[in-house]
Amino acid sequence: MDGQIRIVEERRDWIKKITDRGGTVDEWHDQGSGLTDAPRIPWYRRLLGDKDIFWIMPWRDLGKYNNKEMEDIQKIFPEAGIKKGL
């Protein structure tokens, strides 16, 4: 379970970093969307306070992200779409 706690903490840290840099992180809300086959995080991570992320849009400050950071974001949020430009 320690590994799952670390994942949840890492995701929280990245959400803060992205929003602090002017980006947007949108949670997944499927009520009324018609999208029922969305990738989801495991239920036990939700119990730890993690959230399904739908979109991450760091594009406002894309120049503040290096290639490794962009790869890390995609790896850490596999369920999310990443918008890299306008």
N, C-alpha and C. Protein backbone atom coordinates (compact mmCIF):
# COMPACT_ATOMS: atom_id res chain seq x y z
N MET A 1 0.82 -1.19 0.00
CA MET A 1 0.00 0.00 0.00
C MET A 1 0.87 1.26 0.00
N ASP A 2 2.08 1.17 0.55
CA ASP A 2 2.97 2.34 0.56
C ASP A 2 3.23 2.86 -0.85
N GLY A 3 3.38 1.94 -1.80
CA GLY A 3 3.60 2.34 -3.19
C GLY A 3 2.43 3.12 -3.74
N GLN A 4 1.21 2.71 -3.39
CA GLN A 4 0.02 3.42 -3.87
C GLN A 4 -0.08 4.80 -3.24
N ILE A 5 0.29 4.91 -1.98
CA ILE A 5 0.28 6.21 -1.31
C ILE A 5 1.27 7.15 -1.99
N ARG A 6 2.44 6.63 -2.35
CA ARG A 6 3.43 7.45 -3.04
C ARG A 6 2.92 7.93 -4.40
N ILE A 7 2.20 7.05 -5.11
CA ILE A 7 1.63 7.43 -6.40
C ILE A 7 0.63 8.57 -6.22
N VAL A 8 -0.25 8.43 -5.23
CA VAL A 8 -1.26 9.47 -4.98
C VAL A 8 -0.57 10.79 -4.62
N GLU A 9 0.45 10.74 -3.79
CA GLU A 9 1.17 11.96 -3.41
C GLU A 9 1.87 12.58 -4.62
N GLU A 10 2.47 11.75 -5.45
CA GLU A 10 3.16 12.25 -6.64
C GLU A 10 2.17 12.93 -7.59
N ARG A 11 1.00 12.32 -7.75
CA ARG A 11 -0.02 12.93 -8.61
C ARG A 11 -0.50 14.26 -8.04
N ARG A 12 -0.69 14.32 -6.73
CA ARG A 12 -1.09 15.59 -6.09
C ARG A 12 -0.01 16.66 -6.31
N ASP A 13 1.25 16.27 -6.15
CA ASP A 13 2.35 17.22 -6.35
C ASP A 13 2.37 17.75 -7.78
N TRP A 14 2.16 16.86 -8.76
CA TRP A 14 2.16 17.29 -10.15
C TRP A 14 0.96 18.18 -10.46
N ILE A 15 -0.19 17.88 -9.90
CA ILE A 15 -1.36 18.75 -10.12
C ILE A 15 -1.06 20.15 -9.61
N LYS A 16 -0.46 20.24 -8.44
CA LYS A 16 -0.10 21.55 -7.89
C LYS A 16 0.93 22.25 -8.78
N LYS A 17 1.95 21.52 -9.22
CA LYS A 17 2.99 22.10 -10.06
C LYS A 17 2.39 22.63 -11.37
N ILE A 18 1.52 21.85 -11.98
CA ILE A 18 0.91 22.26 -13.26
C ILE A 18 0.05 23.50 -13.07
N THR A 19 -0.79 23.50 -12.05
CA THR A 19 -1.66 24.67 -11.84
C THR A 19 -0.86 25.89 -11.39
N ASP A 20 0.19 25.69 -10.59
CA ASP A 20 1.04 26.81 -10.19
C ASP A 20 1.73 27.45 -11.39
N ARG A 21 1.98 26.66 -12.43
CA ARG A 21 2.62 27.18 -13.64
C ARG A 21 1.60 27.73 -14.64
N GLY A 22 0.34 27.78 -14.25
CA GLY A 22 -0.69 28.37 -15.11
C GLY A 22 -1.44 27.37 -15.96
N GLY A 23 -1.20 26.09 -15.76
CA GLY A 23 -1.90 25.07 -16.53
C GLY A 23 -3.23 24.71 -15.90
N THR A 24 -3.93 23.81 -16.55
CA THR A 24 -5.25 23.38 -16.10
C THR A 24 -5.27 21.87 -15.97
N VAL A 25 -5.88 21.39 -14.89
CA VAL A 25 -6.07 19.96 -14.67
C VAL A 25 -7.56 19.76 -14.41
N ASP A 26 -8.23 19.01 -15.28
CA ASP A 26 -9.66 18.78 -15.15
C ASP A 26 -9.93 17.35 -14.72
N GLU A 27 -10.74 17.21 -13.69
CA GLU A 27 -11.15 15.89 -13.23
C GLU A 27 -12.17 15.29 -14.20
N TRP A 28 -12.26 13.97 -14.18
CA TRP A 28 -13.22 13.25 -15.00
C TRP A 28 -14.59 13.27 -14.33
N HIS A 29 -15.57 13.76 -15.06
CA HIS A 29 -16.96 13.75 -14.59
C HIS A 29 -17.79 13.14 -15.70
N ASP A 30 -18.27 11.92 -15.50
CA ASP A 30 -18.97 11.24 -16.59
C ASP A 30 -20.49 11.38 -16.51
N GLN A 31 -21.01 12.12 -15.55
CA GLN A 31 -22.44 12.27 -15.45
C GLN A 31 -22.95 13.02 -16.68
N GLY A 32 -23.71 12.34 -17.49
CA GLY A 32 -24.32 12.96 -18.65
C GLY A 32 -23.41 13.15 -19.84
N SER A 33 -22.16 12.70 -19.75
CA SER A 33 -21.24 12.92 -20.86
C SER A 33 -21.41 11.89 -21.97
N GLY A 34 -21.99 10.75 -21.64
CA GLY A 34 -22.11 9.68 -22.63
C GLY A 34 -20.83 8.88 -22.80
N LEU A 35 -19.77 9.28 -22.14
CA LEU A 35 -18.49 8.57 -22.24
C LEU A 35 -18.37 7.64 -21.05
N THR A 36 -18.61 6.37 -21.29
CA THR A 36 -18.61 5.43 -20.18
C THR A 36 -17.39 4.51 -20.17
N ASP A 37 -16.60 4.55 -21.23
CA ASP A 37 -15.46 3.63 -21.33
C ASP A 37 -14.14 4.34 -21.03
N ALA A 38 -14.20 5.39 -20.26
CA ALA A 38 -12.99 6.14 -19.95
C ALA A 38 -12.05 5.32 -19.09
N PRO A 39 -10.74 5.44 -19.34
CA PRO A 39 -9.78 4.80 -18.45
C PRO A 39 -9.93 5.38 -17.05
N ARG A 40 -9.77 4.54 -16.07
CA ARG A 40 -9.96 4.99 -14.70
C ARG A 40 -8.81 4.54 -13.82
N ILE A 41 -8.62 5.31 -12.75
CA ILE A 41 -7.65 4.88 -11.74
C ILE A 41 -8.32 3.79 -10.91
N PRO A 42 -7.55 2.95 -10.26
CA PRO A 42 -8.12 1.88 -9.42
C PRO A 42 -8.93 2.45 -8.26
N TRP A 43 -9.97 1.74 -7.87
CA TRP A 43 -10.88 2.17 -6.80
C TRP A 43 -10.14 2.43 -5.49
N TYR A 44 -9.12 1.61 -5.21
CA TYR A 44 -8.41 1.77 -3.93
C TYR A 44 -7.61 3.07 -3.91
N ARG A 45 -7.19 3.58 -5.06
CA ARG A 45 -6.52 4.87 -5.07
C ARG A 45 -7.52 6.00 -4.84
N ARG A 46 -8.75 5.82 -5.28
CA ARG A 46 -9.78 6.82 -4.97
C ARG A 46 -10.00 6.90 -3.47
N LEU A 47 -9.94 5.75 -2.79
CA LEU A 47 -10.07 5.74 -1.33
C LEU A 47 -8.94 6.52 -0.66
N LEU A 48 -7.79 6.58 -1.30
CA LEU A 48 -6.65 7.32 -0.77
C LEU A 48 -6.69 8.80 -1.14
N GLY A 49 -7.74 9.20 -1.86
CA GLY A 49 -7.90 10.61 -2.21
C GLY A 49 -7.49 10.96 -3.63
N ASP A 50 -7.10 9.97 -4.43
CA ASP A 50 -6.73 10.23 -5.81
C ASP A 50 -7.98 10.50 -6.63
N LYS A 51 -7.80 11.13 -7.80
CA LYS A 51 -8.92 11.49 -8.65
C LYS A 51 -8.62 11.09 -10.08
N ASP A 52 -9.68 10.72 -10.79
CA ASP A 52 -9.56 10.47 -12.23
C ASP A 52 -9.37 11.82 -12.91
N ILE A 53 -8.35 11.92 -13.73
CA ILE A 53 -8.07 13.17 -14.44
C ILE A 53 -8.43 12.99 -15.91
N PHE A 54 -9.21 13.93 -16.43
CA PHE A 54 -9.69 13.87 -17.81
C PHE A 54 -8.71 14.55 -18.76
N TRP A 55 -8.40 15.81 -18.49
CA TRP A 55 -7.49 16.59 -19.34
C TRP A 55 -6.45 17.28 -18.48
N ILE A 56 -5.26 17.38 -19.04
CA ILE A 56 -4.22 18.22 -18.48
C ILE A 56 -3.81 19.16 -19.60
N MET A 57 -3.88 20.45 -19.31
CA MET A 57 -3.53 21.44 -20.33
C MET A 57 -2.43 22.37 -19.82
N PRO A 58 -1.17 21.93 -19.96
CA PRO A 58 -0.06 22.79 -19.52
C PRO A 58 0.33 23.81 -20.58
N TRP A 59 -0.41 23.88 -21.66
CA TRP A 59 -0.04 24.67 -22.84
C TRP A 59 0.18 26.14 -22.57
N ARG A 60 -0.47 26.71 -21.57
CA ARG A 60 -0.28 28.15 -21.31
C ARG A 60 1.18 28.45 -21.02
N ASP A 61 1.85 27.55 -20.36
CA ASP A 61 3.25 27.76 -20.00
C ASP A 61 4.09 26.57 -20.46
N LEU A 62 3.81 26.10 -21.67
CA LEU A 62 4.49 24.91 -22.17
C LEU A 62 6.01 25.07 -22.15
N GLY A 63 6.50 26.28 -22.34
CA GLY A 63 7.94 26.52 -22.32
C GLY A 63 8.57 26.24 -20.97
N LYS A 64 7.75 26.13 -19.92
CA LYS A 64 8.28 25.84 -18.59
C LYS A 64 8.44 24.35 -18.34
N TYR A 65 8.11 23.53 -19.32
CA TYR A 65 8.21 22.08 -19.17
C TYR A 65 9.28 21.56 -20.12
N ASN A 66 10.18 20.74 -19.60
CA ASN A 66 11.14 20.10 -20.50
C ASN A 66 10.54 18.77 -20.98
N ASN A 67 11.21 18.12 -21.91
CA ASN A 67 10.68 16.87 -22.48
C ASN A 67 10.47 15.80 -21.42
N LYS A 68 11.40 15.70 -20.48
CA LYS A 68 11.26 14.68 -19.42
C LYS A 68 10.02 14.94 -18.58
N GLU A 69 9.76 16.20 -18.25
CA GLU A 69 8.57 16.52 -17.46
C GLU A 69 7.30 16.17 -18.22
N MET A 70 7.26 16.45 -19.50
CA MET A 70 6.07 16.11 -20.30
C MET A 70 5.88 14.58 -20.33
N GLU A 71 6.96 13.84 -20.47
CA GLU A 71 6.88 12.38 -20.42
C GLU A 71 6.41 11.90 -19.06
N ASP A 72 6.92 12.52 -18.00
CA ASP A 72 6.50 12.15 -16.64
C ASP A 72 5.01 12.40 -16.44
N ILE A 73 4.52 13.54 -16.91
CA ILE A 73 3.09 13.86 -16.77
C ILE A 73 2.25 12.78 -17.44
N GLN A 74 2.63 12.39 -18.67
CA GLN A 74 1.86 11.36 -19.38
C GLN A 74 1.92 10.02 -18.65
N LYS A 75 3.08 9.70 -18.08
CA LYS A 75 3.25 8.44 -17.36
C LYS A 75 2.45 8.44 -16.05
N ILE A 76 2.48 9.54 -15.34
CA ILE A 76 1.82 9.64 -14.04
C ILE A 76 0.31 9.72 -14.17
N PHE A 77 -0.17 10.27 -15.30
CA PHE A 77 -1.61 10.42 -15.54
C PHE A 77 -2.00 9.69 -16.82
N PRO A 78 -1.88 8.35 -16.86
CA PRO A 78 -2.15 7.62 -18.10
C PRO A 78 -3.61 7.73 -18.55
N GLU A 79 -4.51 8.05 -17.63
CA GLU A 79 -5.93 8.14 -17.97
C GLU A 79 -6.29 9.48 -18.60
N ALA A 80 -5.37 10.43 -18.55
CA ALA A 80 -5.66 11.80 -18.98
C ALA A 80 -5.19 12.07 -20.41
N GLY A 81 -5.95 12.92 -21.07
CA GLY A 81 -5.49 13.48 -22.33
C GLY A 81 -4.58 14.65 -22.00
N ILE A 82 -3.52 14.81 -22.77
CA ILE A 82 -2.59 15.91 -22.54
C ILE A 82 -2.67 16.84 -23.76
N LYS A 83 -3.09 18.05 -23.53
CA LYS A 83 -3.16 19.03 -24.59
C LYS A 83 -1.87 19.82 -24.56
N LYS A 84 -1.10 19.71 -25.65
CA LYS A 84 0.25 20.30 -25.68
C LYS A 84 0.30 21.61 -26.44
N GLY A 85 -0.76 22.02 -27.01
CA GLY A 85 -0.75 23.27 -27.78
C GLY A 85 -2.16 23.79 -27.97
N LEU A 86 -2.26 24.95 -28.56
CA LEU A 86 -3.58 25.55 -28.78
C LEU A 86 -4.36 24.83 -29.85
